[in-house]
Protein backbone atom coordinates (compact mmCIF):
# COMPACT_ATOMS: atom_id res chain seq x y z
CA MET A 1 120.96 2.84 89.45
CA ARG A 2 123.77 4.57 91.40
CA GLY A 3 124.12 7.28 88.78
CA ALA A 4 120.40 8.02 88.89
CA ARG A 5 120.49 8.26 92.69
CA ALA A 6 123.47 10.63 92.58
CA ARG A 7 121.75 12.83 89.99
CA ALA A 8 118.60 12.88 92.12
CA LEU A 9 120.59 13.95 95.19
CA VAL A 10 122.35 16.70 93.24
CA LEU A 11 119.01 17.91 91.88
CA LEU A 12 117.54 17.91 95.39
CA LEU A 13 120.52 19.90 96.68
CA LEU A 14 120.20 22.43 93.86
CA LEU A 15 116.47 22.83 94.47
CA THR A 16 117.08 23.33 98.19
CA LEU A 17 119.73 25.98 97.49
CA ALA A 18 117.46 27.69 94.96
CA ALA A 19 114.65 27.82 97.51
CA ALA A 20 117.01 29.25 100.14
CA LEU A 21 118.21 31.91 97.69
CA ALA A 22 114.64 32.79 96.72
CA GLN A 23 113.80 33.33 100.38
CA GLY A 24 116.88 35.48 100.94
CA HIS A 25 118.62 33.03 103.28
CA LEU A 26 121.87 32.94 101.28
CA SER A 27 121.90 36.42 99.82
CA GLY A 28 123.24 38.23 102.87
CA LEU A 29 119.85 39.84 103.38
CA PRO A 30 117.15 39.02 105.92
CA PRO A 31 114.59 36.45 104.72
CA ILE A 32 111.59 37.87 102.86
CA GLU A 33 109.22 36.84 105.65
CA CYS A 34 111.19 39.06 108.03
CA PRO A 35 110.59 42.57 106.62
CA ASN A 36 111.20 44.43 109.90
CA ALA A 37 114.55 42.86 110.73
CA VAL A 38 117.04 44.60 112.98
CA ALA A 39 120.69 43.73 113.56
CA VAL A 40 121.48 41.81 116.73
CA PRO A 41 123.90 43.98 118.76
CA GLY A 42 127.42 42.57 118.74
CA GLN A 43 126.54 40.02 116.04
CA PRO A 44 126.54 41.81 112.67
CA SER A 45 125.80 38.63 110.73
CA ARG A 46 122.53 37.97 112.59
CA VAL A 47 119.21 39.72 112.39
CA ARG A 48 116.22 39.64 114.69
CA CYS A 49 112.74 39.59 113.19
CA GLU A 50 109.96 41.73 114.62
CA GLU A 51 108.55 38.61 116.30
CA GLY A 52 111.91 38.13 118.06
CA LEU A 53 113.06 35.21 115.91
CA GLU A 54 116.63 35.21 114.67
CA SER A 55 117.77 34.29 111.19
CA LYS A 56 121.28 33.78 109.85
CA THR A 57 122.49 35.60 106.77
CA SER A 58 124.97 34.01 104.38
CA ALA A 59 127.85 35.72 106.21
CA ALA A 60 126.98 33.65 109.28
CA LEU A 61 127.32 30.34 107.47
CA PRO A 62 130.31 28.31 108.62
CA LEU A 63 133.41 28.94 106.53
CA GLY A 64 133.43 25.38 105.18
CA VAL A 65 129.83 25.72 103.97
CA ARG A 66 130.56 29.10 102.36
CA ARG A 67 133.56 27.58 100.56
CA SER A 68 131.49 24.58 99.41
CA LEU A 69 128.90 26.95 97.95
CA GLY A 70 131.59 28.97 96.19
CA LEU A 71 130.89 32.06 98.31
CA HIS A 72 133.77 34.37 99.14
CA THR A 73 134.56 35.44 102.68
CA ASP A 74 135.46 38.88 104.01
CA LEU A 75 139.04 38.66 105.25
CA ASN A 76 138.30 41.10 108.06
CA SER A 77 135.54 38.92 109.51
CA LEU A 78 137.60 35.74 109.99
CA THR A 79 138.71 34.57 113.41
CA ALA A 80 142.05 32.85 114.00
CA GLU A 81 140.14 29.54 114.07
CA ASP A 82 138.56 30.33 110.68
CA LEU A 83 141.97 31.15 109.24
CA GLU A 84 143.40 27.88 110.55
CA SER A 85 140.78 25.98 108.55
CA LEU A 86 142.27 27.36 105.32
CA ALA A 87 144.87 25.25 103.51
CA GLY A 88 148.41 26.16 104.52
CA ILE A 89 147.44 28.28 107.54
CA GLY A 90 148.42 26.93 110.94
CA PRO A 91 147.85 28.42 114.40
CA LYS A 92 151.00 30.58 114.34
CA LEU A 93 150.31 32.05 110.90
CA ALA A 94 146.63 32.60 111.78
CA ARG A 95 147.70 34.61 114.86
CA GLN A 96 150.12 36.64 112.74
CA VAL A 97 147.35 37.46 110.24
CA VAL A 98 144.99 38.56 113.03
CA GLU A 99 147.75 40.67 114.63
CA GLU A 100 148.59 42.35 111.31
CA ARG A 101 144.89 43.00 110.63
CA THR A 102 144.52 44.57 114.09
CA ARG A 103 147.66 46.67 113.62
CA ARG A 104 146.38 47.97 110.26
CA GLY A 105 142.80 48.49 111.40
CA GLY A 106 141.68 45.90 108.84
CA PHE A 107 142.79 44.77 105.41
CA GLU A 108 141.64 46.69 102.36
CA SER A 109 142.91 44.05 99.95
CA VAL A 110 143.76 40.36 100.08
CA ASP A 111 147.11 41.41 98.57
CA GLU A 112 148.04 43.00 101.92
CA LEU A 113 148.42 39.47 103.30
CA ALA A 114 151.76 39.39 101.47
CA GLN A 115 153.07 41.63 104.27
CA VAL A 116 152.55 38.81 106.79
CA LYS A 117 155.70 36.73 107.25
CA GLY A 118 155.03 33.23 105.92
CA ILE A 119 152.60 34.23 103.18
CA GLY A 120 154.35 34.14 99.85
CA PRO A 121 153.02 34.38 96.27
CA ALA A 122 151.78 30.76 96.08
CA ARG A 123 149.94 30.86 99.41
CA LEU A 124 148.51 34.29 98.58
CA ALA A 125 147.18 32.99 95.24
CA ALA A 126 145.49 30.08 97.02
CA LEU A 127 143.92 32.40 99.61
CA ARG A 128 142.56 34.74 96.93
CA VAL A 129 140.26 31.94 95.78
CA VAL A 130 138.28 31.92 99.04
CA LEU A 131 138.79 35.43 100.40
CA GLU A 132 137.58 38.79 99.30
CA PRO A 133 138.32 42.23 100.65
CA PRO A 134 135.55 44.05 102.51
CA GLY A 135 132.95 45.80 100.40
CA ARG A 136 133.48 43.71 97.26
């Protein structure tokens, strides 16, 4: 009986995700029922519908949720807190990454993280799994 319940829960989760994708909630685009969406000033991952309602795009999902769904994250959009939630990144290293990103005006490639002291080949390989450069 446990196996059947687990399969039912997985099926329900998949159907819920499929419905969210069909409505545009996880695609990074405004939902279909919000055709006249405009960006909320100062919050690029949020849109405001004509009626004044706000809707989150996939970029606004918490980092843990994005990782659970297998979605990549733009390295240039992460806060120090977001970076700390990644395996092997503590507060000091997160600050160093943010400082290097600010100094460079943004990262063009995840590989540029190798220039941050404390990020070697193994840590860089692990970060590549969850990060993507902007525009990819």
